[in-house]
Amino acid sequence: MQAPTSRTRRTRLAATLMAMTALALVTGCASNRSNTGTHSPASGYTTPGSGQAMAQVARWAKSYERDRKDRSAILGYSNALSQNGQIPQAMAVLRAGVIAHPKDREISSAYGKVLAMNGRFEEALNVLQRVQQPDTPDWRLMSAEAAIYDQTGNHTKARSLYKQALLMAPDDPSLLNNLGLSYLLSNDLPNAEYTLRKAASLPGADSRVRQNLALVLGIQGKYDEAIQVAQAELDPQQAKANIDYLRHMMEKRRT
């Protein structure tokens, strides 16, 4: 049987990542769009379509309707919409937010992220680069920009930006998570594991970081530890489903 091409392996790896993390937010890039260092008022990750996700949307919608120019409401509502998979609506909220707050880096960073979610990479980069200030750079904007470079296959540029951002926020788990997943995308598994272990050990690391670590462990055949990490984060049924899917994907990679 013909060996899988690098493109095929990449596609399978990205598919595995999305199943393992339950984040259908990245197209061909492990540097997840779900976490690029932007504002996340809703705590943790919620599954799109779940009662929790819809409750977050409803709660933030009320705040947003009271004052559509309130930056906390803009960020909270757009984040809740994104987590519920309502990307076009999140983009519309943030587009209005950028107009109302043209110099707000956090809103611009969130807007760049959702543009990238919609595949509008060049526009996303323009938004992020326009609001960035070279003399006082914002590491969140760097992280968001790096994630886009990862999504377009420029991993060298992405890692350069992540490492610059880490000079400003050396112990931020979202930065280390994205850097680790950038390594994963190019199949540098030892560096991916090392970086994700460090991210997972830090205060503030959320479930997604540990699920990504479980993925990297599983890809390397460290199934026992992968299952242990996954089961600590997910309900047993979901953890089993993810691990079964991972094993299936690994079998396909070997064919």
C-alpha atoms as a PDB file:
ATOM      1  CA  MET A   1       0.000   0.000   0.000  1.00  0.00           C
ATOM      2  CA  GLN A   2       1.238   3.456  -0.870  1.00  0.00           C
ATOM      3  CA  ALA A   3       2.552   5.435   2.112  1.00  0.00           C
ATOM      4  CA  PRO A   4       0.451   8.450   3.112  1.00  0.00           C
ATOM      5  CA  THR A   5       1.679  11.761   1.757  1.00  0.00           C
ATOM      6  CA  SER A   6       2.711  14.536   4.142  1.00  0.00           C
ATOM      7  CA  ARG A   7      -0.450  16.375   3.156  1.00  0.00           C
ATOM      8  CA  THR A   8      -2.561  13.336   4.058  1.00  0.00           C
ATOM      9  CA  ARG A   9      -0.778  12.956   7.388  1.00  0.00           C
ATOM     10  CA  ARG A  10      -1.342  16.635   8.120  1.00  0.00           C
ATOM     11  CA  THR A  11      -5.019  16.364   7.300  1.00  0.00           C
ATOM     12  CA  ARG A  12      -5.418  13.335   9.547  1.00  0.00           C
ATOM     13  CA  LEU A  13      -3.502  15.033  12.344  1.00  0.00           C
ATOM     14  CA  ALA A  14      -5.717  18.107  12.185  1.00  0.00           C
ATOM     15  CA  ALA A  15      -8.826  15.917  12.161  1.00  0.00           C
ATOM     16  CA  THR A  16      -7.579  14.033  15.199  1.00  0.00           C
ATOM     17  CA  LEU A  17      -6.912  17.269  17.022  1.00  0.00           C
ATOM     18  CA  MET A  18     -10.413  18.572  16.411  1.00  0.00           C
ATOM     19  CA  ALA A  19     -11.999  15.360  17.639  1.00  0.00           C
ATOM     20  CA  MET A  20      -9.770  15.167  20.672  1.00  0.00           C
ATOM     21  CA  THR A  21     -10.388  18.723  21.815  1.00  0.00           C
ATOM     22  CA  ALA A  22     -13.993  18.955  20.596  1.00  0.00           C
ATOM     23  CA  LEU A  23     -13.048  22.223  18.903  1.00  0.00           C
ATOM     24  CA  ALA A  24     -14.167  22.406  15.282  1.00  0.00           C
ATOM     25  CA  LEU A  25     -12.540  25.790  14.999  1.00  0.00           C
ATOM     26  CA  VAL A  26      -9.316  25.148  13.137  1.00  0.00           C
ATOM     27  CA  THR A  27      -8.875  24.269   9.479  1.00  0.00           C
ATOM     28  CA  GLY A  28      -5.559  22.504   9.087  1.00  0.00           C
ATOM     29  CA  CYS A  29      -3.960  24.212  12.053  1.00  0.00           C
ATOM     30  CA  ALA A  30      -3.388  22.929  15.517  1.00  0.00           C
ATOM     31  CA  SER A  31      -2.698  26.372  16.928  1.00  0.00           C
ATOM     32  CA  ASN A  32      -6.248  26.589  18.049  1.00  0.00           C
ATOM     33  CA  ARG A  33      -8.477  29.413  17.117  1.00  0.00           C
ATOM     34  CA  SER A  34     -10.217  28.840  20.375  1.00  0.00           C
ATOM     35  CA  ASN A  35      -7.400  30.350  22.316  1.00  0.00           C
ATOM     36  CA  THR A  36      -5.159  32.956  20.792  1.00  0.00           C
ATOM     37  CA  GLY A  37      -4.634  34.994  23.909  1.00  0.00           C
ATOM     38  CA  THR A  38      -7.747  37.074  23.436  1.00  0.00           C
ATOM     39  CA  HIS A  39     -10.289  38.028  26.050  1.00  0.00           C
ATOM     40  CA  SER A  40     -12.367  35.116  27.339  1.00  0.00           C
ATOM     41  CA  PRO A  41     -15.043  36.350  29.735  1.00  0.00           C
ATOM     42  CA  ALA A  42     -16.895  33.048  29.682  1.00  0.00           C
ATOM     43  CA  SER A  43     -14.965  30.715  31.948  1.00  0.00           C
ATOM     44  CA  GLY A  44     -13.546  27.578  30.375  1.00  0.00           C
ATOM     45  CA  TYR A  45     -14.600  25.843  27.198  1.00  0.00           C
ATOM     46  CA  THR A  46     -18.228  24.934  26.498  1.00  0.00           C
ATOM     47  CA  THR A  47     -19.370  22.521  23.806  1.00  0.00           C
ATOM     48  CA  PRO A  48     -21.213  24.287  20.956  1.00  0.00           C
ATOM     49  CA  GLY A  49     -24.938  23.687  21.178  1.00  0.00           C
ATOM     50  CA  SER A  50     -24.823  22.620  24.818  1.00  0.00           C
ATOM     51  CA  GLY A  51     -27.107  24.098  27.432  1.00  0.00           C
ATOM     52  CA  GLN A  52     -24.141  25.800  29.054  1.00  0.00           C
ATOM     53  CA  ALA A  53     -23.034  27.391  25.787  1.00  0.00           C
ATOM     54  CA  MET A  54     -26.520  28.654  24.988  1.00  0.00           C
ATOM     55  CA  ALA A  55     -26.944  29.988  28.516  1.00  0.00           C
ATOM     56  CA  GLN A  56     -23.728  31.978  28.115  1.00  0.00           C
ATOM     57  CA  VAL A  57     -25.009  33.431  24.839  1.00  0.00           C
ATOM     58  CA  ALA A  58     -28.312  34.416  26.446  1.00  0.00           C
ATOM     59  CA  ARG A  59     -26.623  35.986  29.470  1.00  0.00           C
ATOM     60  CA  TRP A  60     -24.190  38.069  27.438  1.00  0.00           C
ATOM     61  CA  ALA A  61     -26.855  38.994  24.884  1.00  0.00           C
ATOM     62  CA  LYS A  62     -28.747  40.836  27.611  1.00  0.00           C
ATOM     63  CA  SER A  63     -25.666  42.839  28.565  1.00  0.00           C
ATOM     64  CA  TYR A  64     -24.966  43.617  24.935  1.00  0.00           C
ATOM     65  CA  GLU A  65     -28.527  44.777  24.263  1.00  0.00           C
ATOM     66  CA  ARG A  66     -28.340  47.157  27.226  1.00  0.00           C
ATOM     67  CA  ASP A  67     -25.287  48.908  25.773  1.00  0.00           C
ATOM     68  CA  ARG A  68     -23.841  47.829  22.432  1.00  0.00           C
ATOM     69  CA  LYS A  69     -20.766  50.011  22.940  1.00  0.00           C
ATOM     70  CA  ASP A  70     -19.806  48.551  26.309  1.00  0.00           C
ATOM     71  CA  ARG A  71     -16.462  46.816  25.697  1.00  0.00           C
ATOM     72  CA  SER A  72     -17.037  44.087  28.298  1.00  0.00           C
ATOM     73  CA  ALA A  73     -20.379  43.256  26.717  1.00  0.00           C
ATOM     74  CA  ILE A  74     -18.828  43.248  23.228  1.00  0.00           C
ATOM     75  CA  LEU A  75     -16.056  40.899  24.285  1.00  0.00           C
ATOM     76  CA  GLY A  76     -18.261  38.682  26.431  1.00  0.00           C
ATOM     77  CA  TYR A  77     -21.041  38.328  23.894  1.00  0.00           C
ATOM     78  CA  SER A  78     -18.711  37.684  20.966  1.00  0.00           C
ATOM     79  CA  ASN A  79     -16.791  35.088  22.962  1.00  0.00           C
ATOM     80  CA  ALA A  80     -19.990  33.310  23.971  1.00  0.00           C
ATOM     81  CA  LEU A  81     -21.169  33.320  20.361  1.00  0.00           C
ATOM     82  CA  SER A  82     -17.836  31.925  19.192  1.00  0.00           C
ATOM     83  CA  GLN A  83     -17.912  29.154  21.779  1.00  0.00           C
ATOM     84  CA  ASN A  84     -21.406  28.236  20.599  1.00  0.00           C
ATOM     85  CA  GLY A  85     -20.200  28.041  17.000  1.00  0.00           C
ATOM     86  CA  GLN A  86     -22.019  31.220  15.938  1.00  0.00           C
ATOM     87  CA  ILE A  87     -18.999  32.670  14.170  1.00  0.00           C
ATOM     88  CA  PRO A  88     -20.740  35.023  11.697  1.00  0.00           C
ATOM     89  CA  GLN A  89     -22.674  36.633  14.562  1.00  0.00           C
ATOM     90  CA  ALA A  90     -19.529  36.950  16.666  1.00  0.00           C
ATOM     91  CA  MET A  91     -17.809  38.589  13.704  1.00  0.00           C
ATOM     92  CA  ALA A  92     -20.652  41.099  13.311  1.00  0.00           C
ATOM     93  CA  VAL A  93     -20.524  42.004  17.011  1.00  0.00           C
ATOM     94  CA  LEU A  94     -16.766  42.517  16.903  1.00  0.00           C
ATOM     95  CA  ARG A  95     -16.873  44.457  13.646  1.00  0.00           C
ATOM     96  CA  ALA A  96     -19.205  46.933  15.352  1.00  0.00           C
ATOM     97  CA  GLY A  97     -16.932  46.868  18.397  1.00  0.00           C
ATOM     98  CA  VAL A  98     -13.877  47.813  16.339  1.00  0.00           C
ATOM     99  CA  ILE A  99     -15.803  50.730  14.871  1.00  0.00           C
ATOM    100  CA  ALA A 100     -16.866  51.888  18.346  1.00  0.00           C
ATOM    101  CA  HIS A 101     -13.387  51.307  19.868  1.00  0.00           C
ATOM    102  CA  PRO A 102     -10.864  51.675  17.009  1.00  0.00           C
ATOM    103  CA  LYS A 103      -7.820  51.733  19.321  1.00  0.00           C
ATOM    104  CA  ASP A 104      -8.857  48.892  21.607  1.00  0.00           C
ATOM    105  CA  ARG A 105      -6.282  46.146  21.142  1.00  0.00           C
ATOM    106  CA  GLU A 106      -8.299  43.459  22.859  1.00  0.00           C
ATOM    107  CA  ILE A 107     -11.358  43.949  20.686  1.00  0.00           C
ATOM    108  CA  SER A 108      -9.177  44.080  17.566  1.00  0.00           C
ATOM    109  CA  SER A 109      -7.425  40.889  18.639  1.00  0.00           C
ATOM    110  CA  ALA A 110     -10.760  39.122  19.108  1.00  0.00           C
ATOM    111  CA  TYR A 111     -11.965  40.438  15.755  1.00  0.00           C
ATOM    112  CA  GLY A 112      -8.834  39.197  14.026  1.00  0.00           C
ATOM    113  CA  LYS A 113      -9.404  35.794  15.563  1.00  0.00           C
ATOM    114  CA  VAL A 114     -12.964  35.412  14.295  1.00  0.00           C
ATOM    115  CA  LEU A 115     -11.963  36.663  10.858  1.00  0.00           C
ATOM    116  CA  ALA A 116      -9.406  33.878  10.788  1.00  0.00           C
ATOM    117  CA  MET A 117     -12.077  31.418  11.925  1.00  0.00           C
ATOM    118  CA  ASN A 118     -13.975  32.413   8.805  1.00  0.00           C
ATOM    119  CA  GLY A 119     -10.908  31.860   6.602  1.00  0.00           C
ATOM    120  CA  ARG A 120     -10.304  35.582   6.026  1.00  0.00           C
ATOM    121  CA  PHE A 121      -6.632  35.391   6.906  1.00  0.00           C
ATOM    122  CA  GLU A 122      -5.306  38.439   5.064  1.00  0.00           C
ATOM    123  CA  GLU A 123      -8.013  40.670   6.492  1.00  0.00           C
ATOM    124  CA  ALA A 124      -7.372  39.248   9.956  1.00  0.00           C
ATOM    125  CA  LEU A 125      -3.658  40.029   9.718  1.00  0.00           C
ATOM    126  CA  ASN A 126      -4.421  43.574   8.548  1.00  0.00           C
ATOM    127  CA  VAL A 127      -6.675  44.156  11.554  1.00  0.00           C
ATOM    128  CA  LEU A 128      -4.087  42.860  14.013  1.00  0.00           C
ATOM    129  CA  GLN A 129      -1.109  44.617  12.466  1.00  0.00           C
ATOM    130  CA  ARG A 130      -2.962  47.919  12.200  1.00  0.00           C
ATOM    131  CA  VAL A 131      -3.672  48.089  15.926  1.00  0.00           C
ATOM    132  CA  GLN A 132      -0.279  46.743  17.057  1.00  0.00           C
ATOM    133  CA  GLN A 133       2.214  49.358  18.274  1.00  0.00           C
ATOM    134  CA  PRO A 134       5.870  48.472  17.591  1.00  0.00           C
ATOM    135  CA  ASP A 135       7.203  50.516  20.514  1.00  0.00           C
ATOM    136  CA  THR A 136       4.753  48.980  23.008  1.00  0.00           C
ATOM    137  CA  PRO A 137       3.735  45.647  21.467  1.00  0.00           C
ATOM    138  CA  ASP A 138       0.856  43.638  22.883  1.00  0.00           C
ATOM    139  CA  TRP A 139       1.652  39.942  23.325  1.00  0.00           C
ATOM    140  CA  ARG A 140      -2.014  38.993  22.812  1.00  0.00           C
ATOM    141  CA  LEU A 141      -1.942  40.533  19.356  1.00  0.00           C
ATOM    142  CA  MET A 142       1.311  38.693  18.648  1.00  0.00           C
ATOM    143  CA  SER A 143      -0.301  35.427  19.700  1.00  0.00           C
ATOM    144  CA  ALA A 144      -3.349  36.021  17.518  1.00  0.00           C
ATOM    145  CA  GLU A 145      -1.133  36.937  14.561  1.00  0.00           C
ATOM    146  CA  ALA A 146       1.057  33.881  15.112  1.00  0.00           C
ATOM    147  CA  ALA A 147      -1.983  31.598  15.120  1.00  0.00           C
ATOM    148  CA  ILE A 148      -2.958  32.942  11.712  1.00  0.00           C
ATOM    149  CA  TYR A 149       0.519  32.305  10.315  1.00  0.00           C
ATOM    150  CA  ASP A 150       0.246  28.750  11.617  1.00  0.00           C
ATOM    151  CA  GLN A 151      -3.071  28.369   9.849  1.00  0.00           C
ATOM    152  CA  THR A 152      -1.532  29.474   6.568  1.00  0.00           C
ATOM    153  CA  GLY A 153       1.415  27.102   6.974  1.00  0.00           C
ATOM    154  CA  ASN A 154       4.107  29.632   7.925  1.00  0.00           C
ATOM    155  CA  HIS A 155       5.160  27.874  11.126  1.00  0.00           C
ATOM    156  CA  THR A 156       8.579  29.516  11.291  1.00  0.00           C
ATOM    157  CA  LYS A 157       7.030  32.975  11.369  1.00  0.00           C
ATOM    158  CA  ALA A 158       4.396  31.811  13.845  1.00  0.00           C
ATOM    159  CA  ARG A 159       6.964  30.426  16.289  1.00  0.00           C
ATOM    160  CA  SER A 160       9.070  33.541  16.036  1.00  0.00           C
ATOM    161  CA  LEU A 161       6.060  35.602  17.123  1.00  0.00           C
ATOM    162  CA  TYR A 162       5.102  33.179  19.900  1.00  0.00           C
ATOM    163  CA  LYS A 163       8.630  33.338  21.287  1.00  0.00           C
ATOM    164  CA  GLN A 164       8.633  37.138  21.159  1.00  0.00           C
ATOM    165  CA  ALA A 165       5.311  37.137  22.995  1.00  0.00           C
ATOM    166  CA  LEU A 166       6.697  34.742  25.615  1.00  0.00           C
ATOM    167  CA  LEU A 167       9.394  37.283  26.452  1.00  0.00           C
ATOM    168  CA  MET A 168       6.548  39.521  27.628  1.00  0.00           C
ATOM    169  CA  ALA A 169       4.328  36.818  29.136  1.00  0.00           C
ATOM    170  CA  PRO A 170       6.670  33.893  29.871  1.00  0.00           C
ATOM    171  CA  ASP A 171       4.221  31.846  31.914  1.00  0.00           C
ATOM    172  CA  ASP A 172       1.040  32.341  29.960  1.00  0.00           C
ATOM    173  CA  PRO A 173      -0.486  28.908  29.283  1.00  0.00           C
ATOM    174  CA  SER A 174      -2.346  30.066  26.160  1.00  0.00           C
ATOM    175  CA  LEU A 175       0.899  31.129  24.496  1.00  0.00           C
ATOM    176  CA  LEU A 176       2.655  27.906  25.407  1.00  0.00           C
ATOM    177  CA  ASN A 177      -0.378  25.936  24.277  1.00  0.00           C
ATOM    178  CA  ASN A 178      -0.311  27.573  20.860  1.00  0.00           C
ATOM    179  CA  LEU A 179       3.442  27.146  20.539  1.00  0.00           C
ATOM    180  CA  GLY A 180       3.142  23.490  21.486  1.00  0.00           C
ATOM    181  CA  LEU A 181       0.428  22.919  18.924  1.00  0.00           C
ATOM    182  CA  SER A 182       2.492  24.721  16.300  1.00  0.00           C
ATOM    183  CA  TYR A 183       5.188  22.116  16.918  1.00  0.00           C
ATOM    184  CA  LEU A 184       2.557  19.403  16.683  1.00  0.00           C
ATOM    185  CA  LEU A 185       1.352  20.605  13.304  1.00  0.00           C
ATOM    186  CA  SER A 186       4.826  20.186  11.842  1.00  0.00           C
ATOM    187  CA  ASN A 187       5.171  16.787  13.567  1.00  0.00           C
ATOM    188  CA  ASP A 188       7.842  17.926  16.038  1.00  0.00           C
ATOM    189  CA  LEU A 189       6.311  15.762  18.747  1.00  0.00           C
ATOM    190  CA  PRO A 190       9.043  15.961  21.431  1.00  0.00           C
ATOM    191  CA  ASN A 191       8.913  19.773  21.467  1.00  0.00           C
ATOM    192  CA  ALA A 192       5.124  19.680  21.313  1.00  0.00           C
ATOM    193  CA  GLU A 193       4.939  17.407  24.346  1.00  0.00           C
ATOM    194  CA  TYR A 194       7.533  19.382  26.315  1.00  0.00           C
ATOM    195  CA  THR A 195       5.788  22.703  25.653  1.00  0.00           C
ATOM    196  CA  LEU A 196       2.283  21.411  26.348  1.00  0.00           C
ATOM    197  CA  ARG A 197       3.423  19.754  29.588  1.00  0.00           C
ATOM    198  CA  LYS A 198       4.796  23.091  30.699  1.00  0.00           C
ATOM    199  CA  ALA A 199       1.568  24.858  29.686  1.00  0.00           C
ATOM    200  CA  ALA A 200      -0.591  22.298  31.492  1.00  0.00           C
ATOM    201  CA  SER A 201       1.414  22.709  34.707  1.00  0.00           C
ATOM    202  CA  LEU A 202       0.799  26.446  34.930  1.00  0.00           C
ATOM    203  CA  PRO A 203      -1.967  28.139  36.913  1.00  0.00           C
ATOM    204  CA  GLY A 204      -4.727  29.217  34.587  1.00  0.00           C
ATOM    205  CA  ALA A 205      -4.288  26.338  32.134  1.00  0.00           C
ATOM    206  CA  ASP A 206      -7.758  25.252  31.099  1.00  0.00           C
ATOM    207  CA  SER A 207      -9.180  21.945  29.961  1.00  0.00           C
ATOM    208  CA  ARG A 208      -8.204  22.526  26.346  1.00  0.00           C
ATOM    209  CA  VAL A 209      -4.497  22.624  27.194  1.00  0.00           C
ATOM    210  CA  ARG A 210      -4.648  19.270  28.953  1.00  0.00           C
ATOM    211  CA  GLN A 211      -6.745  17.741  26.187  1.00  0.00           C
ATOM    212  CA  ASN A 212      -4.134  18.888  23.681  1.00  0.00           C
ATOM    213  CA  LEU A 213      -1.442  17.284  25.838  1.00  0.00           C
ATOM    214  CA  ALA A 214      -3.467  14.073  25.813  1.00  0.00           C
ATOM    215  CA  LEU A 215      -3.550  14.238  22.025  1.00  0.00           C
ATOM    216  CA  VAL A 216       0.227  14.596  21.730  1.00  0.00           C
ATOM    217  CA  LEU A 217       0.773  11.728  24.152  1.00  0.00           C
ATOM    218  CA  GLY A 218      -1.627   9.537  22.201  1.00  0.00           C
ATOM    219  CA  ILE A 219      -0.023  10.315  18.868  1.00  0.00           C
ATOM    220  CA  GLN A 220       3.283   9.116  20.314  1.00  0.00           C
ATOM    221  CA  GLY A 221       1.682   5.875  21.474  1.00  0.00           C
ATOM    222  CA  LYS A 222       1.653   6.844  25.158  1.00  0.00           C
ATOM    223  CA  TYR A 223      -1.944   5.686  25.409  1.00  0.00           C
ATOM    224  CA  ASP A 224      -2.121   4.964  29.137  1.00  0.00           C
ATOM    225  CA  GLU A 225      -1.030   8.469  30.051  1.00  0.00           C
ATOM    226  CA  ALA A 226      -3.162   9.975  27.279  1.00  0.00           C
ATOM    227  CA  ILE A 227      -6.241   8.211  28.622  1.00  0.00           C
ATOM    228  CA  GLN A 228      -5.418   9.289  32.160  1.00  0.00           C
ATOM    229  CA  VAL A 229      -5.118  12.938  31.126  1.00  0.00           C
ATOM    230  CA  ALA A 230      -8.234  12.826  28.944  1.00  0.00           C
ATOM    231  CA  GLN A 231     -10.382  11.146  31.582  1.00  0.00           C
ATOM    232  CA  ALA A 232      -9.368  13.761  34.138  1.00  0.00           C
ATOM    233  CA  GLU A 233     -10.815  16.451  31.861  1.00  0.00           C
ATOM    234  CA  LEU A 234     -13.847  14.813  30.268  1.00  0.00           C
ATOM    235  CA  ASP A 235     -16.735  12.640  31.374  1.00  0.00           C
ATOM    236  CA  PRO A 236     -15.825   8.957  30.962  1.00  0.00           C
ATOM    237  CA  GLN A 237     -18.070   8.417  27.926  1.00  0.00           C
ATOM    238  CA  GLN A 238     -16.625  11.389  26.026  1.00  0.00           C
ATOM    239  CA  ALA A 239     -13.062  10.497  27.045  1.00  0.00           C
ATOM    240  CA  LYS A 240     -13.538   6.921  25.793  1.00  0.00           C
ATOM    241  CA  ALA A 241     -15.012   8.180  22.517  1.00  0.00           C
ATOM    242  CA  ASN A 242     -12.078  10.547  21.984  1.00  0.00           C
ATOM    243  CA  ILE A 243      -9.471   7.926  22.791  1.00  0.00           C
ATOM    244  CA  ASP A 244     -11.198   5.367  20.547  1.00  0.00           C
ATOM    245  CA  TYR A 245     -11.178   7.924  17.740  1.00  0.00           C
ATOM    246  CA  LEU A 246      -7.525   8.691  18.371  1.00  0.00           C
ATOM    247  CA  ARG A 247      -6.622   5.006  18.220  1.00  0.00           C
ATOM    248  CA  HIS A 248      -8.565   4.642  14.993  1.00  0.00           C
ATOM    249  CA  MET A 249      -6.718   7.601  13.486  1.00  0.00           C
ATOM    250  CA  MET A 250      -3.367   6.233  14.611  1.00  0.00           C
ATOM    251  CA  GLU A 251      -4.158   2.902  12.939  1.00  0.00           C
ATOM    252  CA  LYS A 252      -4.958   4.776   9.719  1.00  0.00           C
ATOM    253  CA  ARG A 253      -1.681   6.693   9.964  1.00  0.00           C
ATOM    254  CA  ARG A 254       0.203   3.391  10.091  1.00  0.00           C
ATOM    255  CA  THR A 255      -1.506   2.094   6.937  1.00  0.00           C
END
